[in-house]
C-alpha cells in the first residue's frame, strides 16, 4: 500500500487514481461526492473539539456595552433552530451546528 500526501483540496480529485482518500467535509459537495456514501466519518468527540468554529471578537469589545450587546444579539440569532436546519441543508449533512452538541 502506498500513501501519498496531497493538498486537502486535491484529495477528492485524486479518487479516480487511488483506492481511497481522506476528503475534508468542505470539499465533499463541490467534488460531487455524497457524504452518506463515505466509508468512514470521524465521530464528534473530545478529539474533534478543536475543529469546531467559534464566533470571536477582540477581548476589549466587551468593554463597549453597545458592541457587546450587538454581538450577543448576533449569537442569539445564530443559535436558532432554523439556522441549524439551514446548515444541515446547505452542507449536505457534512457540517453540524455545534452550539448544542454534547461532546463526550
PDB file of N, CA and C in Angstrom:
ATOM      1  N   UNK A   1       0.845  -1.167   0.000  1.00  0.00           N
ATOM      2  CA  UNK A   1       0.000   0.000   0.000  1.00  0.00           C
ATOM      3  C   UNK A   1       0.892   1.232   0.000  1.00  0.00           C
ATOM      4  N   UNK A   2       0.549   2.184  -0.848  1.00  0.00           N
ATOM      5  CA  UNK A   2       1.264   3.450  -0.917  1.00  0.00           C
ATOM      6  C   UNK A   2       0.351   4.563  -0.436  1.00  0.00           C
ATOM      7  N   UNK A   3       0.908   5.451   0.358  1.00  0.00           N
ATOM      8  CA  UNK A   3       0.174   6.621   0.824  1.00  0.00           C
ATOM      9  C   UNK A   3       0.885   7.847   0.288  1.00  0.00           C
ATOM     10  N   UNK A   4       0.129   8.710  -0.376  1.00  0.00           N
ATOM     11  CA  UNK A   4       0.688   9.921  -0.950  1.00  0.00           C
ATOM     12  C   UNK A   4       0.003  11.123  -0.335  1.00  0.00           C
ATOM     13  N   UNK A   5       0.781  12.052   0.165  1.00  0.00           N
ATOM     14  CA  UNK A   5       0.230  13.281   0.723  1.00  0.00           C
ATOM     15  C   UNK A   5      -0.084  14.257  -0.402  1.00  0.00           C
ATOM     16  N   UNK A   6      -1.279  14.797  -0.377  1.00  0.00           N
ATOM     17  CA  UNK A   6      -1.671  15.836  -1.334  1.00  0.00           C
ATOM     18  C   UNK A   6      -2.407  16.924  -0.561  1.00  0.00           C
ATOM     19  N   UNK A   7      -2.505  18.084  -1.149  1.00  0.00           N
ATOM     20  CA  UNK A   7      -3.249  19.174  -0.530  1.00  0.00           C
ATOM     21  C   UNK A   7      -4.701  18.753  -0.355  1.00  0.00           C
ATOM     22  N   UNK A   8      -5.315  19.209   0.739  1.00  0.00           N
ATOM     23  CA  UNK A   8      -6.701  18.820   1.043  1.00  0.00           C
ATOM     24  C   UNK A   8      -7.649  19.101  -0.116  1.00  0.00           C
ATOM     25  N   UNK A   9      -7.404  20.153  -0.852  1.00  0.00           N
ATOM     26  CA  UNK A   9      -8.287  20.499  -1.971  1.00  0.00           C
ATOM     27  C   UNK A   9      -8.147  19.529  -3.158  1.00  0.00           C
ATOM     28  N   UNK A  10      -7.133  18.688  -3.135  1.00  0.00           N
ATOM     29  CA  UNK A  10      -6.893  17.754  -4.238  1.00  0.00           C
ATOM     30  C   UNK A  10      -7.329  16.321  -3.939  1.00  0.00           C
ATOM     31  N   UNK A  11      -7.704  16.032  -2.703  1.00  0.00           N
ATOM     32  CA  UNK A  11      -7.995  14.632  -2.347  1.00  0.00           C
ATOM     33  C   UNK A  11      -9.190  14.068  -3.106  1.00  0.00           C
ATOM     34  N   UNK A  12     -10.237  14.840  -3.256  1.00  0.00           N
ATOM     35  CA  UNK A  12     -11.413  14.347  -3.987  1.00  0.00           C
ATOM     36  C   UNK A  12     -11.063  14.093  -5.452  1.00  0.00           C
ATOM     37  N   UNK A  13     -10.279  14.963  -6.041  1.00  0.00           N
ATOM     38  CA  UNK A  13      -9.863  14.785  -7.445  1.00  0.00           C
ATOM     39  C   UNK A  13      -9.003  13.537  -7.627  1.00  0.00           C
ATOM     40  N   UNK A  14      -8.280  13.157  -6.585  1.00  0.00           N
ATOM     41  CA  UNK A  14      -7.388  12.004  -6.691  1.00  0.00           C
ATOM     42  C   UNK A  14      -8.136  10.675  -6.679  1.00  0.00           C
ATOM     43  N   UNK A  15      -9.424  10.679  -6.362  1.00  0.00           N
ATOM     44  CA  UNK A  15     -10.177   9.432  -6.244  1.00  0.00           C
ATOM     45  C   UNK A  15     -10.175   8.588  -7.520  1.00  0.00           C
ATOM     46  N   UNK A  16     -10.022   9.204  -8.663  1.00  0.00           N
ATOM     47  CA  UNK A  16     -10.004   8.423  -9.908  1.00  0.00           C
ATOM     48  C   UNK A  16      -8.720   7.609 -10.065  1.00  0.00           C
ATOM     49  N   UNK A  17      -7.687   7.945  -9.293  1.00  0.00           N
ATOM     50  CA  UNK A  17      -6.423   7.232  -9.443  1.00  0.00           C
ATOM     51  C   UNK A  17      -5.939   6.559  -8.154  1.00  0.00           C
ATOM     52  N   UNK A  18      -6.784   6.522  -7.134  1.00  0.00           N
ATOM     53  CA  UNK A  18      -6.421   5.882  -5.868  1.00  0.00           C
ATOM     54  C   UNK A  18      -7.580   5.008  -5.397  1.00  0.00           C
ATOM     55  N   UNK A  19      -7.299   4.165  -4.435  1.00  0.00           N
ATOM     56  CA  UNK A  19      -8.356   3.312  -3.885  1.00  0.00           C
ATOM     57  C   UNK A  19      -9.227   4.040  -2.872  1.00  0.00           C
ATOM     58  N   UNK A  20      -8.643   4.985  -2.135  1.00  0.00           N
ATOM     59  CA  UNK A  20      -9.383   5.725  -1.114  1.00  0.00           C
ATOM     60  C   UNK A  20      -8.667   7.039  -0.837  1.00  0.00           C
ATOM     61  N   UNK A  21      -9.396   7.986  -0.279  1.00  0.00           N
ATOM     62  CA  UNK A  21      -8.811   9.280   0.062  1.00  0.00           C
ATOM     63  C   UNK A  21      -9.553   9.870   1.249  1.00  0.00           C
ATOM     64  N   UNK A  22      -8.842  10.646   2.051  1.00  0.00           N
ATOM     65  CA  UNK A  22      -9.457  11.411   3.123  1.00  0.00           C
ATOM     66  C   UNK A  22      -9.907  12.735   2.525  1.00  0.00           C
ATOM     67  N   UNK A  23     -11.209  12.958   2.472  1.00  0.00           N
ATOM     68  CA  UNK A  23     -11.743  14.172   1.863  1.00  0.00           C
ATOM     69  C   UNK A  23     -12.368  15.036   2.955  1.00  0.00           C
ATOM     70  N   UNK A  24     -11.867  16.254   3.099  1.00  0.00           N
ATOM     71  CA  UNK A  24     -12.426  17.176   4.085  1.00  0.00           C
ATOM     72  C   UNK A  24     -13.866  17.513   3.726  1.00  0.00           C
ATOM     73  N   UNK A  25     -14.686  17.728   4.748  1.00  0.00           N
ATOM     74  CA  UNK A  25     -16.106  17.986   4.516  1.00  0.00           C
ATOM     75  C   UNK A  25     -16.350  19.179   3.597  1.00  0.00           C
ATOM     76  N   UNK A  26     -15.472  20.155   3.601  1.00  0.00           N
ATOM     77  CA  UNK A  26     -15.677  21.335   2.773  1.00  0.00           C
ATOM     78  C   UNK A  26     -15.527  21.061   1.283  1.00  0.00           C
ATOM     79  N   UNK A  27     -14.963  19.910   0.926  1.00  0.00           N
ATOM     80  CA  UNK A  27     -14.766  19.582  -0.483  1.00  0.00           C
ATOM     81  C   UNK A  27     -15.699  18.481  -0.978  1.00  0.00           C
ATOM     82  N   UNK A  28     -16.468  17.898  -0.098  1.00  0.00           N
ATOM     83  CA  UNK A  28     -17.327  16.767  -0.469  1.00  0.00           C
ATOM     84  C   UNK A  28     -18.351  17.162  -1.524  1.00  0.00           C
ATOM     85  N   UNK A  29     -19.180  18.144  -1.232  1.00  0.00           N
ATOM     86  CA  UNK A  29     -20.251  18.528  -2.152  1.00  0.00           C
ATOM     87  C   UNK A  29     -19.720  19.085  -3.462  1.00  0.00           C
ATOM     88  N   UNK A  30     -18.718  19.968  -3.379  1.00  0.00           N
ATOM     89  CA  UNK A  30     -18.186  20.579  -4.603  1.00  0.00           C
ATOM     90  C   UNK A  30     -17.529  19.549  -5.515  1.00  0.00           C
ATOM     91  N   UNK A  31     -17.105  18.418  -4.957  1.00  0.00           N
ATOM     92  CA  UNK A  31     -16.495  17.353  -5.759  1.00  0.00           C
ATOM     93  C   UNK A  31     -17.554  16.398  -6.312  1.00  0.00           C
ATOM     94  N   UNK A  32     -18.810  16.638  -5.965  1.00  0.00           N
ATOM     95  CA  UNK A  32     -19.883  15.768  -6.451  1.00  0.00           C
ATOM     96  C   UNK A  32     -19.985  14.459  -5.683  1.00  0.00           C
ATOM     97  N   UNK A  33     -19.364  14.403  -4.503  1.00  0.00           N
ATOM     98  CA  UNK A  33     -19.426  13.194  -3.688  1.00  0.00           C
ATOM     99  C   UNK A  33     -20.652  13.239  -2.784  1.00  0.00           C
ATOM    100  N   UNK A  34     -21.129  12.102  -2.396  1.00  0.00           N
ATOM    101  CA  UNK A  34     -22.256  12.012  -1.473  1.00  0.00           C
ATOM    102  C   UNK A  34     -21.723  11.689  -0.086  1.00  0.00           C
ATOM    103  N   UNK A  35     -21.960  12.566   0.851  1.00  0.00           N
ATOM    104  CA  UNK A  35     -21.485  12.401   2.221  1.00  0.00           C
ATOM    105  C   UNK A  35     -21.950  11.068   2.807  1.00  0.00           C
ATOM    106  N   UNK A  36     -23.184  10.684   2.517  1.00  0.00           N
ATOM    107  CA  UNK A  36     -23.737   9.454   3.088  1.00  0.00           C
ATOM    108  C   UNK A  36     -23.092   8.184   2.516  1.00  0.00           C
ATOM    109  N   UNK A  37     -22.320   8.309   1.449  1.00  0.00           N
ATOM    110  CA  UNK A  37     -21.657   7.136   0.884  1.00  0.00           C
ATOM    111  C   UNK A  37     -20.223   6.962   1.401  1.00  0.00           C
ATOM    112  N   UNK A  38     -19.825   7.793   2.349  1.00  0.00           N
ATOM    113  CA  UNK A  38     -18.478   7.689   2.914  1.00  0.00           C
ATOM    114  C   UNK A  38     -18.289   6.346   3.611  1.00  0.00           C
ATOM    115  N   UNK A  39     -17.097   5.787   3.517  1.00  0.00           N
ATOM    116  CA  UNK A  39     -16.836   4.519   4.199  1.00  0.00           C
ATOM    117  C   UNK A  39     -16.487   4.744   5.669  1.00  0.00           C
ATOM    118  N   UNK A  40     -16.188   6.003   6.029  1.00  0.00           N
ATOM    119  CA  UNK A  40     -15.899   6.339   7.418  1.00  0.00           C
ATOM    120  C   UNK A  40     -16.138   7.828   7.617  1.00  0.00           C
ATOM    121  N   UNK A  41     -16.720   8.187   8.738  1.00  0.00           N
ATOM    122  CA  UNK A  41     -16.911   9.583   9.121  1.00  0.00           C
ATOM    123  C   UNK A  41     -16.404   9.720  10.551  1.00  0.00           C
ATOM    124  N   UNK A  42     -15.534  10.701  10.768  1.00  0.00           N
ATOM    125  CA  UNK A  42     -14.990  10.898  12.110  1.00  0.00           C
ATOM    126  C   UNK A  42     -16.110  11.214  13.097  1.00  0.00           C
ATOM    127  N   UNK A  43     -16.035  10.642  14.293  1.00  0.00           N
ATOM    128  CA  UNK A  43     -17.047  10.944  15.308  1.00  0.00           C
ATOM    129  C   UNK A  43     -16.826  12.337  15.904  1.00  0.00           C
ATOM    130  N   UNK A  44     -17.892  12.922  16.412  1.00  0.00           N
ATOM    131  CA  UNK A  44     -17.771  14.185  17.130  1.00  0.00           C
ATOM    132  C   UNK A  44     -17.522  13.823  18.589  1.00  0.00           C
ATOM    133  N   UNK A  45     -16.299  14.126  19.053  1.00  0.00           N
ATOM    134  CA  UNK A  45     -15.912  13.810  20.429  1.00  0.00           C
ATOM    135  C   UNK A  45     -14.836  14.796  20.880  1.00  0.00           C
ATOM    136  N   UNK A  46     -14.206  14.533  22.000  1.00  0.00           N
ATOM    137  CA  UNK A  46     -13.190  15.450  22.521  1.00  0.00           C
ATOM    138  C   UNK A  46     -12.053  15.672  21.527  1.00  0.00           C
ATOM    139  N   UNK A  47     -11.693  14.644  20.783  1.00  0.00           N
ATOM    140  CA  UNK A  47     -10.603  14.776  19.812  1.00  0.00           C
ATOM    141  C   UNK A  47     -10.967  15.715  18.666  1.00  0.00           C
ATOM    142  N   UNK A  48     -12.233  15.779  18.312  1.00  0.00           N
ATOM    143  CA  UNK A  48     -12.650  16.641  17.200  1.00  0.00           C
ATOM    144  C   UNK A  48     -13.052  18.038  17.667  1.00  0.00           C
ATOM    145  N   UNK A  49     -13.056  18.266  18.959  1.00  0.00           N
ATOM    146  CA  UNK A  49     -13.467  19.559  19.512  1.00  0.00           C
ATOM    147  C   UNK A  49     -12.641  20.712  18.932  1.00  0.00           C
ATOM    148  N   UNK A  50     -11.380  20.461  18.630  1.00  0.00           N
ATOM    149  CA  UNK A  50     -10.510  21.523  18.107  1.00  0.00           C
ATOM    150  C   UNK A  50     -10.939  22.013  16.727  1.00  0.00           C
ATOM    151  N   UNK A  51     -11.807  21.286  16.049  1.00  0.00           N
ATOM    152  CA  UNK A  51     -12.251  21.661  14.709  1.00  0.00           C
ATOM    153  C   UNK A  51     -13.557  22.447  14.726  1.00  0.00           C
ATOM    154  N   UNK A  52     -14.116  22.700  15.900  1.00  0.00           N
ATOM    155  CA  UNK A  52     -15.357  23.465  15.994  1.00  0.00           C
ATOM    156  C   UNK A  52     -15.039  24.942  15.801  1.00  0.00           C
ATOM    157  N   UNK A  53     -15.750  25.583  14.889  1.00  0.00           N
ATOM    158  CA  UNK A  53     -15.572  27.013  14.647  1.00  0.00           C
ATOM    159  C   UNK A  53     -16.310  27.811  15.714  1.00  0.00           C
ATOM    160  N   UNK A  54     -15.793  28.973  16.024  1.00  0.00           N
ATOM    161  CA  UNK A  54     -16.399  29.829  17.038  1.00  0.00           C
ATOM    162  C   UNK A  54     -16.621  31.236  16.477  1.00  0.00           C
ATOM    163  N   UNK A  55     -17.521  31.961  17.100  1.00  0.00           N
ATOM    164  CA  UNK A  55     -17.688  33.383  16.803  1.00  0.00           C
ATOM    165  C   UNK A  55     -16.807  34.109  17.812  1.00  0.00           C
ATOM    166  N   UNK A  56     -15.911  34.936  17.332  1.00  0.00           N
ATOM    167  CA  UNK A  56     -14.944  35.579  18.227  1.00  0.00           C
ATOM    168  C   UNK A  56     -14.882  37.083  17.979  1.00  0.00           C
ATOM    169  N   UNK A  57     -14.476  37.801  18.994  1.00  0.00           N
ATOM    170  CA  UNK A  57     -14.257  39.245  18.902  1.00  0.00           C
ATOM    171  C   UNK A  57     -13.041  39.584  19.760  1.00  0.00           C
ATOM    172  N   UNK A  58     -12.505  40.754  19.550  1.00  0.00           N
ATOM    173  CA  UNK A  58     -11.382  41.201  20.368  1.00  0.00           C
ATOM    174  C   UNK A  58     -11.830  41.306  21.821  1.00  0.00           C
ATOM    175  N   UNK A  59     -10.965  40.931  22.759  1.00  0.00           N
ATOM    176  CA  UNK A  59     -11.348  40.978  24.180  1.00  0.00           C
ATOM    177  C   UNK A  59     -11.846  42.345  24.648  1.00  0.00           C
ATOM    178  N   UNK A  60     -11.293  43.419  24.109  1.00  0.00           N
ATOM    179  CA  UNK A  60     -11.693  44.751  24.567  1.00  0.00           C
ATOM    180  C   UNK A  60     -13.082  45.168  24.087  1.00  0.00           C
ATOM    181  N   UNK A  61     -13.698  44.418  23.169  1.00  0.00           N
ATOM    182  CA  UNK A  61     -15.038  44.738  22.715  1.00  0.00           C
ATOM    183  C   UNK A  61     -16.052  44.575  23.844  1.00  0.00           C
ATOM    184  N   UNK A  62     -15.730  43.740  24.812  1.00  0.00           N
ATOM    185  CA  UNK A  62     -16.627  43.525  25.937  1.00  0.00           C
ATOM    186  C   UNK A  62     -16.772  44.808  26.767  1.00  0.00           C
ATOM    187  N   UNK A  63     -15.779  45.671  26.698  1.00  0.00           N
ATOM    188  CA  UNK A  63     -15.829  46.938  27.432  1.00  0.00           C
ATOM    189  C   UNK A  63     -16.814  47.929  26.804  1.00  0.00           C
ATOM    190  N   UNK A  64     -17.071  47.780  25.511  1.00  0.00           N
ATOM    191  CA  UNK A  64     -18.020  48.648  24.812  1.00  0.00           C
ATOM    192  C   UNK A  64     -19.398  47.985  24.891  1.00  0.00           C
ATOM    193  N   UNK A  65     -20.233  48.493  25.780  1.00  0.00           N
ATOM    194  CA  UNK A  65     -21.519  47.845  26.060  1.00  0.00           C
ATOM    195  C   UNK A  65     -22.402  47.721  24.816  1.00  0.00           C
ATOM    196  N   UNK A  66     -22.384  48.713  23.939  1.00  0.00           N
ATOM    197  CA  UNK A  66     -23.223  48.669  22.733  1.00  0.00           C
ATOM    198  C   UNK A  66     -22.762  47.555  21.791  1.00  0.00           C
ATOM    199  N   UNK A  67     -21.456  47.482  21.562  1.00  0.00           N
ATOM    200  CA  UNK A  67     -20.928  46.432  20.682  1.00  0.00           C
ATOM    201  C   UNK A  67     -21.143  45.054  21.301  1.00  0.00           C
ATOM    202  N   UNK A  68     -20.914  44.968  22.592  1.00  0.00           N
ATOM    203  CA  UNK A  68     -21.087  43.688  23.283  1.00  0.00           C
ATOM    204  C   UNK A  68     -22.534  43.216  23.179  1.00  0.00           C
ATOM    205  N   UNK A  69     -23.468  44.110  23.368  1.00  0.00           N
ATOM    206  CA  UNK A  69     -24.889  43.770  23.250  1.00  0.00           C
ATOM    207  C   UNK A  69     -25.220  43.351  21.822  1.00  0.00           C
ATOM    208  N   UNK A  70     -24.629  44.031  20.844  1.00  0.00           N
ATOM    209  CA  UNK A  70     -24.881  43.683  19.434  1.00  0.00           C
ATOM    210  C   UNK A  70     -24.357  42.282  19.131  1.00  0.00           C
ATOM    211  N   UNK A  71     -23.176  41.963  19.621  1.00  0.00           N
ATOM    212  CA  UNK A  71     -22.619  40.624  19.384  1.00  0.00           C
ATOM    213  C   UNK A  71     -23.468  39.551  20.052  1.00  0.00           C
ATOM    214  N   UNK A  72     -23.957  39.840  21.240  1.00  0.00           N
ATOM    215  CA  UNK A  72     -24.809  38.871  21.921  1.00  0.00           C
ATOM    216  C   UNK A  72     -26.084  38.623  21.113  1.00  0.00           C
ATOM    217  N   UNK A  73     -26.614  39.660  20.475  1.00  0.00           N
ATOM    218  CA  UNK A  73     -27.809  39.508  19.637  1.00  0.00           C
ATOM    219  C   UNK A  73     -27.506  38.693  18.384  1.00  0.00           C
ATOM    220  N   UNK A  74     -26.322  38.896  17.805  1.00  0.00           N
ATOM    221  CA  UNK A  74     -25.917  38.111  16.633  1.00  0.00           C
ATOM    222  C   UNK A  74     -25.838  36.633  17.010  1.00  0.00           C
ATOM    223  N   UNK A  75     -25.229  36.344  18.140  1.00  0.00           N
ATOM    224  CA  UNK A  75     -25.092  34.960  18.593  1.00  0.00           C
ATOM    225  C   UNK A  75     -26.470  34.368  18.885  1.00  0.00           C
ATOM    226  N   UNK A  76     -27.317  35.129  19.531  1.00  0.00           N
ATOM    227  CA  UNK A  76     -28.679  34.668  19.825  1.00  0.00           C
ATOM    228  C   UNK A  76     -29.416  34.348  18.513  1.00  0.00           C
ATOM    229  N   UNK A  77     -29.255  35.195  17.521  1.00  0.00           N
ATOM    230  CA  UNK A  77     -29.890  34.963  16.222  1.00  0.00           C
ATOM    231  C   UNK A  77     -29.324  33.741  15.518  1.00  0.00           C
ATOM    232  N   UNK A  78     -28.034  33.522  15.670  1.00  0.00           N
ATOM    233  CA  UNK A  78     -27.374  32.388  15.027  1.00  0.00           C
ATOM    234  C   UNK A  78     -27.778  31.062  15.659  1.00  0.00           C
ATOM    235  N   UNK A  79     -28.009  31.054  16.936  1.00  0.00           N
ATOM    236  CA  UNK A  79     -28.329  29.825  17.662  1.00  0.00           C
ATOM    237  C   UNK A  79     -29.821  29.483  17.580  1.00  0.00           C
ATOM    238  N   UNK A  80     -30.367  29.555  16.402  1.00  0.00           N
ATOM    239  CA  UNK A  80     -31.776  29.256  16.180  1.00  0.00           C
ATOM    240  C   UNK A  80     -31.940  27.914  15.481  1.00  0.00           C
ATOM    241  N   UNK A  81     -33.064  27.286  15.696  1.00  0.00           N
ATOM    242  CA  UNK A  81     -33.366  26.007  15.068  1.00  0.00           C
ATOM    243  C   UNK A  81     -33.317  26.128  13.539  1.00  0.00           C
ATOM    244  N   UNK A  82     -33.817  27.232  13.002  1.00  0.00           N
ATOM    245  CA  UNK A  82     -33.844  27.429  11.548  1.00  0.00           C
ATOM    246  C   UNK A  82     -32.417  27.487  10.987  1.00  0.00           C
ATOM    247  N   UNK A  83     -31.506  28.134  11.689  1.00  0.00           N
ATOM    248  CA  UNK A  83     -30.109  28.204  11.239  1.00  0.00           C
ATOM    249  C   UNK A  83     -29.507  26.802  11.241  1.00  0.00           C
ATOM    250  N   UNK A  84     -29.793  26.041  12.269  1.00  0.00           N
ATOM    251  CA  UNK A  84     -29.310  24.660  12.355  1.00  0.00           C
ATOM    252  C   UNK A  84     -29.804  23.845  11.152  1.00  0.00           C
ATOM    253  N   UNK A  85     -31.070  24.027  10.797  1.00  0.00           N
ATOM    254  CA  UNK A  85     -31.645  23.320   9.646  1.00  0.00           C
ATOM    255  C   UNK A  85     -30.976  23.755   8.347  1.00  0.00           C
ATOM    256  N   UNK A  86     -30.695  25.043   8.223  1.00  0.00           N
ATOM    257  CA  UNK A  86     -30.041  25.547   7.009  1.00  0.00           C
ATOM    258  C   UNK A  86     -28.603  25.048   6.887  1.00  0.00           C
ATOM    259  N   UNK A  87     -27.894  24.979   8.004  1.00  0.00           N
ATOM    260  CA  UNK A  87     -26.524  24.443   7.995  1.00  0.00           C
ATOM    261  C   UNK A  87     -26.552  23.014   7.468  1.00  0.00           C
ATOM    262  N   UNK A  88     -27.450  22.223   7.989  1.00  0.00           N
ATOM    263  CA  UNK A  88     -27.561  20.823   7.554  1.00  0.00           C
ATOM    264  C   UNK A  88     -27.940  20.734   6.079  1.00  0.00           C
ATOM    265  N   UNK A  89     -28.900  21.551   5.667  1.00  0.00           N
ATOM    266  CA  UNK A  89     -29.374  21.527   4.282  1.00  0.00           C
ATOM    267  C   UNK A  89     -28.272  21.916   3.290  1.00  0.00           C
ATOM    268  N   UNK A  90     -27.623  23.051   3.547  1.00  0.00           N
ATOM    269  CA  UNK A  90     -26.655  23.568   2.580  1.00  0.00           C
ATOM    270  C   UNK A  90     -25.283  22.910   2.660  1.00  0.00           C
ATOM    271  N   UNK A  91     -25.024  22.156   3.714  1.00  0.00           N
ATOM    272  CA  UNK A  91     -23.746  21.443   3.799  1.00  0.00           C
ATOM    273  C   UNK A  91     -23.925  19.977   3.415  1.00  0.00           C
ATOM    274  N   UNK A  92     -25.121  19.611   3.003  1.00  0.00           N
ATOM    275  CA  UNK A  92     -25.439  18.226   2.643  1.00  0.00           C
ATOM    276  C   UNK A  92     -25.131  17.276   3.802  1.00  0.00           C
ATOM    277  N   UNK A  93     -25.272  17.787   5.020  1.00  0.00           N
ATOM    278  CA  UNK A  93     -25.039  16.959   6.197  1.00  0.00           C
ATOM    279  C   UNK A  93     -23.595  16.861   6.635  1.00  0.00           C
ATOM    280  N   UNK A  94     -22.680  17.555   5.952  1.00  0.00           N
ATOM    281  CA  UNK A  94     -21.258  17.458   6.301  1.00  0.00           C
ATOM    282  C   UNK A  94     -20.860  18.378   7.442  1.00  0.00           C
ATOM    283  N   UNK A  95     -21.749  19.283   7.841  1.00  0.00           N
ATOM    284  CA  UNK A  95     -21.459  20.180   8.953  1.00  0.00           C
ATOM    285  C   UNK A  95     -22.574  20.087   9.978  1.00  0.00           C
ATOM    286  N   UNK A  96     -22.230  20.373  11.222  1.00  0.00           N
ATOM    287  CA  UNK A  96     -23.189  20.346  12.320  1.00  0.00           C
ATOM    288  C   UNK A  96     -23.186  21.683  13.038  1.00  0.00           C
ATOM    289  N   UNK A  97     -24.347  22.069  13.533  1.00  0.00           N
ATOM    290  CA  UNK A  97     -24.414  23.231  14.410  1.00  0.00           C
ATOM    291  C   UNK A  97     -23.874  22.765  15.759  1.00  0.00           C
ATOM    292  N   UNK A  98     -22.812  23.375  16.218  1.00  0.00           N
ATOM    293  CA  UNK A  98     -22.101  22.859  17.399  1.00  0.00           C
ATOM    294  C   UNK A  98     -22.608  23.403  18.725  1.00  0.00           C
ATOM    295  N   UNK A  99     -23.502  24.389  18.695  1.00  0.00           N
ATOM    296  CA  UNK A  99     -23.879  25.020  19.957  1.00  0.00           C
ATOM    297  C   UNK A  99     -24.671  24.136  20.889  1.00  0.00           C
ATOM    298  N   UNK A 100     -25.230  23.052  20.383  1.00  0.00           N
ATOM    299  CA  UNK A 100     -25.982  22.170  21.300  1.00  0.00           C
ATOM    300  C   UNK A 100     -25.504  20.716  21.246  1.00  0.00           C
ATOM    301  N   UNK A 101     -24.299  20.515  20.761  1.00  0.00           N
ATOM    302  CA  UNK A 101     -23.729  19.170  20.703  1.00  0.00           C
ATOM    303  C   UNK A 101     -23.112  18.833  22.064  1.00  0.00           C
ATOM    304  N   UNK A 102     -23.413  17.668  22.552  1.00  0.00           N
ATOM    305  CA  UNK A 102     -22.804  17.181  23.793  1.00  0.00           C
ATOM    306  C   UNK A 102     -21.552  16.386  23.407  1.00  0.00           C
ATOM    307  N   UNK A 103     -20.396  16.920  23.724  1.00  0.00           N
ATOM    308  CA  UNK A 103     -19.139  16.267  23.368  1.00  0.00           C
ATOM    309  C   UNK A 103     -18.729  15.340  24.490  1.00  0.00           C
ATOM    310  N   UNK A 104     -18.475  14.085  24.124  1.00  0.00           N
ATOM    311  CA  UNK A 104     -18.106  13.058  25.110  1.00  0.00           C
ATOM    312  C   UNK A 104     -16.630  12.783  25.059  1.00  0.00           C
TER     313      UNK A 104
END
